[in-house]
Amino acid sequence: MSVKVRIPSPLRSFTQGADVIEVAGTSVGEVLNGLKDKASGIETRLFKAPNQLNRFVNVYLNDEDVRFLNNLETPVKEGDEISIVPAIAGG
């Protein structure tokens, strides 16, 4: 099953400019881990440790923040969309 992953502008250097990558998986974590096969090096920006998202990266499944669902264990189905949104801080 394939899920669309929306890539933000700052991470498109890992995807040769592509804004959407299709990745197979049954959970958010599986899809994001599979993304590194199609976008080598992107995992350094997404994860601070295996299966632990970087705190400056927000991940949404169909507009729902995965932190309020089942985090990386959140199941996905055909046609779902995952959006990666870098956190923005300022002062």
PDB file of N, CA and C in Angstrom:
ATOM      1  N   MET A   1       0.843  -1.163   0.000  1.00  0.00           N
ATOM      2  CA  MET A   1       0.000   0.000   0.000  1.00  0.00           C
ATOM      3  C   MET A   1       0.896   1.236   0.000  1.00  0.00           C
ATOM      4  N   SER A   2       0.474   2.247  -0.726  1.00  0.00           N
ATOM      5  CA  SER A   2       1.283   3.435  -0.917  1.00  0.00           C
ATOM      6  C   SER A   2       0.654   4.653  -0.245  1.00  0.00           C
ATOM      7  N   VAL A   3       1.489   5.441   0.389  1.00  0.00           N
ATOM      8  CA  VAL A   3       1.063   6.655   1.078  1.00  0.00           C
ATOM      9  C   VAL A   3       1.863   7.821   0.504  1.00  0.00           C
ATOM     10  N   LYS A   4       1.217   8.952   0.297  1.00  0.00           N
ATOM     11  CA  LYS A   4       1.912  10.143  -0.185  1.00  0.00           C
ATOM     12  C   LYS A   4       2.536  10.874   0.993  1.00  0.00           C
ATOM     13  N   VAL A   5       3.803  11.237   0.837  1.00  0.00           N
ATOM     14  CA  VAL A   5       4.504  12.012   1.855  1.00  0.00           C
ATOM     15  C   VAL A   5       4.811  13.375   1.249  1.00  0.00           C
ATOM     16  N   ARG A   6       4.287  14.419   1.867  1.00  0.00           N
ATOM     17  CA  ARG A   6       4.518  15.792   1.409  1.00  0.00           C
ATOM     18  C   ARG A   6       5.815  16.299   2.032  1.00  0.00           C
ATOM     19  N   ILE A   7       6.726  16.738   1.161  1.00  0.00           N
ATOM     20  CA  ILE A   7       8.057  17.163   1.582  1.00  0.00           C
ATOM     21  C   ILE A   7       8.115  18.692   1.602  1.00  0.00           C
ATOM     22  N   PRO A   8       8.508  19.303   2.724  1.00  0.00           N
ATOM     23  CA  PRO A   8       8.614  20.766   2.773  1.00  0.00           C
ATOM     24  C   PRO A   8       9.837  21.259   1.991  1.00  0.00           C
ATOM     25  N   SER A   9       9.794  22.491   1.586  1.00  0.00           N
ATOM     26  CA  SER A   9      10.882  23.085   0.792  1.00  0.00           C
ATOM     27  C   SER A   9      12.275  22.862   1.373  1.00  0.00           C
ATOM     28  N   PRO A  10      12.481  23.052   2.689  1.00  0.00           N
ATOM     29  CA  PRO A  10      13.847  22.881   3.212  1.00  0.00           C
ATOM     30  C   PRO A  10      14.413  21.456   3.090  1.00  0.00           C
ATOM     31  N   LEU A  11      13.548  20.466   2.868  1.00  0.00           N
ATOM     32  CA  LEU A  11      14.015  19.078   2.771  1.00  0.00           C
ATOM     33  C   LEU A  11      14.020  18.550   1.332  1.00  0.00           C
ATOM     34  N   ARG A  12      13.646  19.379   0.379  1.00  0.00           N
ATOM     35  CA  ARG A  12      13.556  18.912  -1.002  1.00  0.00           C
ATOM     36  C   ARG A  12      14.909  18.663  -1.643  1.00  0.00           C
ATOM     37  N   SER A  13      15.973  19.130  -1.032  1.00  0.00           N
ATOM     38  CA  SER A  13      17.303  18.815  -1.565  1.00  0.00           C
ATOM     39  C   SER A  13      17.579  17.308  -1.466  1.00  0.00           C
ATOM     40  N   PHE A  14      16.893  16.628  -0.540  1.00  0.00           N
ATOM     41  CA  PHE A  14      17.045  15.177  -0.385  1.00  0.00           C
ATOM     42  C   PHE A  14      16.206  14.398  -1.400  1.00  0.00           C
ATOM     43  N   THR A  15      15.231  15.085  -2.032  1.00  0.00           N
ATOM     44  CA  THR A  15      14.305  14.421  -2.954  1.00  0.00           C
ATOM     45  C   THR A  15      14.453  14.926  -4.392  1.00  0.00           C
ATOM     46  N   GLN A  16      15.584  15.547  -4.688  1.00  0.00           N
ATOM     47  CA  GLN A  16      15.825  16.126  -6.006  1.00  0.00           C
ATOM     48  C   GLN A  16      14.705  17.092  -6.398  1.00  0.00           C
ATOM     49  N   GLY A  17      14.188  17.815  -5.418  1.00  0.00           N
ATOM     50  CA  GLY A  17      13.176  18.838  -5.669  1.00  0.00           C
ATOM     51  C   GLY A  17      11.737  18.360  -5.620  1.00  0.00           C
ATOM     52  N   ALA A  18      11.513  17.069  -5.484  1.00  0.00           N
ATOM     53  CA  ALA A  18      10.139  16.548  -5.457  1.00  0.00           C
ATOM     54  C   ALA A  18       9.417  16.995  -4.196  1.00  0.00           C
ATOM     55  N   ASP A  19       8.164  17.431  -4.359  1.00  0.00           N
ATOM     56  CA  ASP A  19       7.393  17.861  -3.196  1.00  0.00           C
ATOM     57  C   ASP A  19       6.513  16.758  -2.619  1.00  0.00           C
ATOM     58  N   VAL A  20       6.325  15.673  -3.375  1.00  0.00           N
ATOM     59  CA  VAL A  20       5.554  14.514  -2.905  1.00  0.00           C
ATOM     60  C   VAL A  20       6.301  13.245  -3.307  1.00  0.00           C
ATOM     61  N   ILE A  21       6.444  12.341  -2.354  1.00  0.00           N
ATOM     62  CA  ILE A  21       7.070  11.041  -2.599  1.00  0.00           C
ATOM     63  C   ILE A  21       6.084   9.975  -2.136  1.00  0.00           C
ATOM     64  N   GLU A  22       5.886   8.937  -2.919  1.00  0.00           N
ATOM     65  CA  GLU A  22       5.016   7.834  -2.507  1.00  0.00           C
ATOM     66  C   GLU A  22       5.866   6.738  -1.881  1.00  0.00           C
ATOM     67  N   VAL A  23       5.439   6.302  -0.698  1.00  0.00           N
ATOM     68  CA  VAL A  23       6.186   5.301   0.067  1.00  0.00           C
ATOM     69  C   VAL A  23       5.205   4.270   0.606  1.00  0.00           C
ATOM     70  N   ALA A  24       5.606   3.002   0.577  1.00  0.00           N
ATOM     71  CA  ALA A  24       4.771   1.925   1.111  1.00  0.00           C
ATOM     72  C   ALA A  24       5.006   1.781   2.605  1.00  0.00           C
ATOM     73  N   GLY A  25       3.966   1.388   3.325  1.00  0.00           N
ATOM     74  CA  GLY A  25       4.081   1.125   4.756  1.00  0.00           C
ATOM     75  C   GLY A  25       2.721   0.953   5.384  1.00  0.00           C
ATOM     76  N   THR A  26       2.708   0.436   6.604  1.00  0.00           N
ATOM     77  CA  THR A  26       1.446   0.227   7.309  1.00  0.00           C
ATOM     78  C   THR A  26       1.288   1.153   8.507  1.00  0.00           C
ATOM     79  N   SER A  27       2.360   1.894   8.850  1.00  0.00           N
ATOM     80  CA  SER A  27       2.298   2.857   9.951  1.00  0.00           C
ATOM     81  C   SER A  27       3.091   4.098   9.554  1.00  0.00           C
ATOM     82  N   VAL A  28       2.883   5.181  10.265  1.00  0.00           N
ATOM     83  CA  VAL A  28       3.618   6.419   9.995  1.00  0.00           C
ATOM     84  C   VAL A  28       5.122   6.162  10.090  1.00  0.00           C
ATOM     85  N   GLY A  29       5.547   5.450  11.125  1.00  0.00           N
ATOM     86  CA  GLY A  29       6.966   5.158  11.305  1.00  0.00           C
ATOM     87  C   GLY A  29       7.544   4.338  10.167  1.00  0.00           C
ATOM     88  N   GLU A  30       6.802   3.345   9.706  1.00  0.00           N
ATOM     89  CA  GLU A  30       7.251   2.513   8.589  1.00  0.00           C
ATOM     90  C   GLU A  30       7.410   3.344   7.320  1.00  0.00           C
ATOM     91  N   VAL A  31       6.457   4.233   7.080  1.00  0.00           N
ATOM     92  CA  VAL A  31       6.522   5.086   5.899  1.00  0.00           C
ATOM     93  C   VAL A  31       7.718   6.028   5.987  1.00  0.00           C
ATOM     94  N   LEU A  32       7.910   6.672   7.142  1.00  0.00           N
ATOM     95  CA  LEU A  32       9.029   7.604   7.285  1.00  0.00           C
ATOM     96  C   LEU A  32      10.371   6.881   7.204  1.00  0.00           C
ATOM     97  N   ASN A  33      10.445   5.681   7.745  1.00  0.00           N
ATOM     98  CA  ASN A  33      11.677   4.901   7.617  1.00  0.00           C
ATOM     99  C   ASN A  33      11.903   4.476   6.169  1.00  0.00           C
ATOM    100  N   GLY A  34      10.838   4.166   5.454  1.00  0.00           N
ATOM    101  CA  GLY A  34      10.953   3.815   4.048  1.00  0.00           C
ATOM    102  C   GLY A  34      11.326   5.004   3.173  1.00  0.00           C
ATOM    103  N   LEU A  35      11.005   6.194   3.641  1.00  0.00           N
ATOM    104  CA  LEU A  35      11.332   7.404   2.895  1.00  0.00           C
ATOM    105  C   LEU A  35      12.836   7.552   2.705  1.00  0.00           C
ATOM    106  N   LYS A  36      13.610   7.103   3.679  1.00  0.00           N
ATOM    107  CA  LYS A  36      15.061   7.264   3.562  1.00  0.00           C
ATOM    108  C   LYS A  36      15.649   6.451   2.410  1.00  0.00           C
ATOM    109  N   ASP A  37      14.941   5.416   1.947  1.00  0.00           N
ATOM    110  CA  ASP A  37      15.399   4.662   0.773  1.00  0.00           C
ATOM    111  C   ASP A  37      15.231   5.478  -0.512  1.00  0.00           C
ATOM    112  N   LYS A  38      14.264   6.401  -0.509  1.00  0.00           N
ATOM    113  CA  LYS A  38      13.996   7.220  -1.692  1.00  0.00           C
ATOM    114  C   LYS A  38      14.595   8.616  -1.569  1.00  0.00           C
ATOM    115  N   ALA A  39      15.002   8.992  -0.365  1.00  0.00           N
ATOM    116  CA  ALA A  39      15.555  10.325  -0.119  1.00  0.00           C
ATOM    117  C   ALA A  39      16.724  10.184   0.849  1.00  0.00           C
ATOM    118  N   SER A  40      17.812   9.660   0.343  1.00  0.00           N
ATOM    119  CA  SER A  40      18.981   9.368   1.180  1.00  0.00           C
ATOM    120  C   SER A  40      19.435  10.597   1.967  1.00  0.00           C
ATOM    121  N   GLY A  41      19.620  10.414   3.269  1.00  0.00           N
ATOM    122  CA  GLY A  41      20.089  11.473   4.148  1.00  0.00           C
ATOM    123  C   GLY A  41      18.982  12.211   4.874  1.00  0.00           C
ATOM    124  N   ILE A  42      17.737  12.077   4.411  1.00  0.00           N
ATOM    125  CA  ILE A  42      16.636  12.814   5.029  1.00  0.00           C
ATOM    126  C   ILE A  42      16.403  12.371   6.478  1.00  0.00           C
ATOM    127  N   GLU A  43      16.787  11.128   6.782  1.00  0.00           N
ATOM    128  CA  GLU A  43      16.573  10.621   8.146  1.00  0.00           C
ATOM    129  C   GLU A  43      17.334  11.428   9.191  1.00  0.00           C
ATOM    130  N   THR A  44      18.429  12.069   8.811  1.00  0.00           N
ATOM    131  CA  THR A  44      19.184  12.883   9.773  1.00  0.00           C
ATOM    132  C   THR A  44      18.394  14.107  10.201  1.00  0.00           C
ATOM    133  N   ARG A  45      17.473  14.548   9.371  1.00  0.00           N
ATOM    134  CA  ARG A  45      16.627  15.694   9.697  1.00  0.00           C
ATOM    135  C   ARG A  45      15.343  15.279  10.410  1.00  0.00           C
ATOM    136  N   LEU A  46      14.899  14.041  10.178  1.00  0.00           N
ATOM    137  CA  LEU A  46      13.631  13.580  10.752  1.00  0.00           C
ATOM    138  C   LEU A  46      13.783  12.949  12.125  1.00  0.00           C
ATOM    139  N   PHE A  47      14.856  12.176  12.319  1.00  0.00           N
ATOM    140  CA  PHE A  47      14.996  11.384  13.540  1.00  0.00           C
ATOM    141  C   PHE A  47      16.214  11.806  14.344  1.00  0.00           C
ATOM    142  N   LYS A  48      16.047  11.873  15.672  1.00  0.00           N
ATOM    143  CA  LYS A  48      17.219  12.120  16.531  1.00  0.00           C
ATOM    144  C   LYS A  48      17.796  10.810  17.037  1.00  0.00           C
ATOM    145  N   ALA A  49      17.022   9.761  16.989  1.00  0.00           N
ATOM    146  CA  ALA A  49      17.437   8.401  17.342  1.00  0.00           C
ATOM    147  C   ALA A  49      16.489   7.463  16.589  1.00  0.00           C
ATOM    148  N   PRO A  50      16.834   6.191  16.471  1.00  0.00           N
ATOM    149  CA  PRO A  50      15.927   5.275  15.769  1.00  0.00           C
ATOM    150  C   PRO A  50      14.511   5.327  16.353  1.00  0.00           C
ATOM    151  N   ASN A  51      13.552   5.518  15.474  1.00  0.00           N
ATOM    152  CA  ASN A  51      12.134   5.579  15.847  1.00  0.00           C
ATOM    153  C   ASN A  51      11.798   6.680  16.842  1.00  0.00           C
ATOM    154  N   GLN A  52      12.580   7.748  16.835  1.00  0.00           N
ATOM    155  CA  GLN A  52      12.305   8.900  17.706  1.00  0.00           C
ATOM    156  C   GLN A  52      12.434  10.164  16.873  1.00  0.00           C
ATOM    157  N   LEU A  53      11.289  10.809  16.623  1.00  0.00           N
ATOM    158  CA  LEU A  53      11.294  12.009  15.798  1.00  0.00           C
ATOM    159  C   LEU A  53      12.080  13.134  16.437  1.00  0.00           C
ATOM    160  N   ASN A  54      12.740  13.908  15.594  1.00  0.00           N
ATOM    161  CA  ASN A  54      13.401  15.125  16.047  1.00  0.00           C
ATOM    162  C   ASN A  54      12.322  16.070  16.581  1.00  0.00           C
ATOM    163  N   ARG A  55      12.584  16.765  17.658  1.00  0.00           N
ATOM    164  CA  ARG A  55      11.551  17.607  18.257  1.00  0.00           C
ATOM    165  C   ARG A  55      11.225  18.829  17.420  1.00  0.00           C
ATOM    166  N   PHE A  56      12.050  19.133  16.420  1.00  0.00           N
ATOM    167  CA  PHE A  56      11.798  20.275  15.553  1.00  0.00           C
ATOM    168  C   PHE A  56      11.043  19.893  14.282  1.00  0.00           C
ATOM    169  N   VAL A  57      10.539  18.665  14.239  1.00  0.00           N
ATOM    170  CA  VAL A  57       9.791  18.194  13.082  1.00  0.00           C
ATOM    171  C   VAL A  57       8.396  17.777  13.547  1.00  0.00           C
ATOM    172  N   ASN A  58       7.392  18.321  12.884  1.00  0.00           N
ATOM    173  CA  ASN A  58       6.012  17.929  13.151  1.00  0.00           C
ATOM    174  C   ASN A  58       5.537  17.061  11.997  1.00  0.00           C
ATOM    175  N   VAL A  59       4.803  16.020  12.312  1.00  0.00           N
ATOM    176  CA  VAL A  59       4.309  15.101  11.296  1.00  0.00           C
ATOM    177  C   VAL A  59       2.790  15.010  11.430  1.00  0.00           C
ATOM    178  N   TYR A  60       2.128  15.161  10.297  1.00  0.00           N
ATOM    179  CA  TYR A  60       0.670  15.122  10.269  1.00  0.00           C
ATOM    180  C   TYR A  60       0.211  13.999   9.352  1.00  0.00           C
ATOM    181  N   LEU A  61      -0.816  13.293   9.789  1.00  0.00           N
ATOM    182  CA  LEU A  61      -1.467  12.271   8.968  1.00  0.00           C
ATOM    183  C   LEU A  61      -2.852  12.802   8.642  1.00  0.00           C
ATOM    184  N   ASN A  62      -3.069  13.126   7.379  1.00  0.00           N
ATOM    185  CA  ASN A  62      -4.361  13.690   6.957  1.00  0.00           C
ATOM    186  C   ASN A  62      -4.789  14.854   7.847  1.00  0.00           C
ATOM    187  N   ASP A  63      -3.897  15.783   8.091  1.00  0.00           N
ATOM    188  CA  ASP A  63      -4.145  17.007   8.873  1.00  0.00           C
ATOM    189  C   ASP A  63      -4.253  16.788  10.379  1.00  0.00           C
ATOM    190  N   GLU A  64      -3.959  15.589  10.869  1.00  0.00           N
ATOM    191  CA  GLU A  64      -3.963  15.310  12.307  1.00  0.00           C
ATOM    192  C   GLU A  64      -2.533  15.125  12.783  1.00  0.00           C
ATOM    193  N   ASP A  65      -2.146  15.839  13.812  1.00  0.00           N
ATOM    194  CA  ASP A  65      -0.801  15.726  14.386  1.00  0.00           C
ATOM    195  C   ASP A  65      -0.637  14.324  14.974  1.00  0.00           C
ATOM    196  N   VAL A  66       0.372  13.584  14.520  1.00  0.00           N
ATOM    197  CA  VAL A  66       0.538  12.202  14.978  1.00  0.00           C
ATOM    198  C   VAL A  66       0.856  12.121  16.463  1.00  0.00           C
ATOM    199  N   ARG A  67       1.333  13.210  17.059  1.00  0.00           N
ATOM    200  CA  ARG A  67       1.608  13.200  18.500  1.00  0.00           C
ATOM    201  C   ARG A  67       0.326  13.010  19.307  1.00  0.00           C
ATOM    202  N   PHE A  68      -0.818  13.396  18.710  1.00  0.00           N
ATOM    203  CA  PHE A  68      -2.093  13.259  19.396  1.00  0.00           C
ATOM    204  C   PHE A  68      -2.851  12.015  18.932  1.00  0.00           C
ATOM    205  N   LEU A  69      -2.230  11.254  18.064  1.00  0.00           N
ATOM    206  CA  LEU A  69      -2.792   9.974  17.635  1.00  0.00           C
ATOM    207  C   LEU A  69      -1.982   8.885  18.333  1.00  0.00           C
ATOM    208  N   ASN A  70      -1.290   8.070  17.570  1.00  0.00           N
ATOM    209  CA  ASN A  70      -0.488   7.007  18.161  1.00  0.00           C
ATOM    210  C   ASN A  70       0.973   7.160  17.745  1.00  0.00           C
ATOM    211  N   ASN A  71       1.394   8.426  17.555  1.00  0.00           N
ATOM    212  CA  ASN A  71       2.748   8.793  17.168  1.00  0.00           C
ATOM    213  C   ASN A  71       3.201   7.973  15.952  1.00  0.00           C
ATOM    214  N   LEU A  72       4.405   7.415  15.978  1.00  0.00           N
ATOM    215  CA  LEU A  72       4.924   6.678  14.823  1.00  0.00           C
ATOM    216  C   LEU A  72       4.208   5.353  14.605  1.00  0.00           C
ATOM    217  N   GLU A  73       3.491   4.887  15.595  1.00  0.00           N
ATOM    218  CA  GLU A  73       2.742   3.630  15.473  1.00  0.00           C
ATOM    219  C   GLU A  73       1.368   3.830  14.833  1.00  0.00           C
ATOM    220  N   THR A  74       1.011   5.052  14.520  1.00  0.00           N
ATOM    221  CA  THR A  74      -0.289   5.341  13.912  1.00  0.00           C
ATOM    222  C   THR A  74      -0.424   4.591  12.592  1.00  0.00           C
ATOM    223  N   PRO A  75      -1.461   3.788  12.440  1.00  0.00           N
ATOM    224  CA  PRO A  75      -1.629   3.036  11.192  1.00  0.00           C
ATOM    225  C   PRO A  75      -2.005   3.959  10.034  1.00  0.00           C
ATOM    226  N   VAL A  76      -1.571   3.578   8.840  1.00  0.00           N
ATOM    227  CA  VAL A  76      -1.932   4.299   7.620  1.00  0.00           C
ATOM    228  C   VAL A  76      -2.613   3.345   6.667  1.00  0.00           C
ATOM    229  N   LYS A  77      -3.365   3.929   5.739  1.00  0.00           N
ATOM    230  CA  LYS A  77      -4.047   3.116   4.728  1.00  0.00           C
ATOM    231  C   LYS A  77      -3.850   3.757   3.365  1.00  0.00           C
ATOM    232  N   GLU A  78      -4.144   3.018   2.334  1.00  0.00           N
ATOM    233  CA  GLU A  78      -4.022   3.490   0.952  1.00  0.00           C
ATOM    234  C   GLU A  78      -4.733   4.840   0.809  1.00  0.00           C
ATOM    235  N   GLY A  79      -4.057   5.782   0.194  1.00  0.00           N
ATOM    236  CA  GLY A  79      -4.651   7.101  -0.041  1.00  0.00           C
ATOM    237  C   GLY A  79      -4.384   8.122   1.044  1.00  0.00           C
ATOM    238  N   ASP A  80      -3.810   7.707   2.173  1.00  0.00           N
ATOM    239  CA  ASP A  80      -3.478   8.660   3.232  1.00  0.00           C
ATOM    240  C   ASP A  80      -2.343   9.575   2.785  1.00  0.00           C
ATOM    241  N   GLU A  81      -2.253  10.731   3.436  1.00  0.00           N
ATOM    242  CA  GLU A  81      -1.163  11.662   3.180  1.00  0.00           C
ATOM    243  C   GLU A  81      -0.474  12.019   4.488  1.00  0.00           C
ATOM    244  N   ILE A  82       0.841  11.967   4.455  1.00  0.00           N
ATOM    245  CA  ILE A  82       1.658  12.380   5.588  1.00  0.00           C
ATOM    246  C   ILE A  82       2.339  13.679   5.196  1.00  0.00           C
ATOM    247  N   SER A  83       2.253  14.675   6.060  1.00  0.00           N
ATOM    248  CA  SER A  83       2.923  15.950   5.823  1.00  0.00           C
ATOM    249  C   SER A  83       4.007  16.131   6.867  1.00  0.00           C
ATOM    250  N   ILE A  84       5.201  16.487   6.398  1.00  0.00           N
ATOM    251  CA  ILE A  84       6.320  16.798   7.285  1.00  0.00           C
ATOM    252  C   ILE A  84       6.401  18.320   7.357  1.00  0.00           C
ATOM    253  N   VAL A  85       6.337  18.845   8.583  1.00  0.00           N
ATOM    254  CA  VAL A  85       6.342  20.297   8.765  1.00  0.00           C
ATOM    255  C   VAL A  85       7.439  20.655   9.762  1.00  0.00           C
ATOM    256  N   PRO A  86       8.492  21.322   9.282  1.00  0.00           N
ATOM    257  CA  PRO A  86       9.538  21.751  10.222  1.00  0.00           C
ATOM    258  C   PRO A  86       8.973  22.806  11.177  1.00  0.00           C
ATOM    259  N   ALA A  87       9.327  22.700  12.445  1.00  0.00           N
ATOM    260  CA  ALA A  87       8.875  23.675  13.428  1.00  0.00           C
ATOM    261  C   ALA A  87       9.591  25.000  13.157  1.00  0.00           C
ATOM    262  N   ILE A  88       8.867  26.083  13.394  1.00  0.00           N
ATOM    263  CA  ILE A  88       9.414  27.414  13.203  1.00  0.00           C
ATOM    264  C   ILE A  88       9.454  28.102  14.561  1.00  0.00           C
ATOM    265  N   ALA A  89      10.611  28.614  14.920  1.00  0.00           N
ATOM    266  CA  ALA A  89      10.745  29.310  16.198  1.00  0.00           C
ATOM    267  C   ALA A  89      11.253  30.719  15.932  1.00  0.00           C
ATOM    268  N   GLY A  90      10.917  31.563  16.799  1.00  0.00           N
ATOM    269  CA  GLY A  90      11.369  32.949  16.637  1.00  0.00           C
ATOM    270  C   GLY A  90      11.218  33.697  17.938  1.00  0.00           C
ATOM    271  N   GLY A  91      11.637  34.892  17.889  1.00  0.00           N
ATOM    272  CA  GLY A  91      11.524  35.656  19.132  1.00  0.00           C
ATOM    273  C   GLY A  91      11.417  37.107  18.874  1.00  0.00           C
TER     274      GLY A  91
END
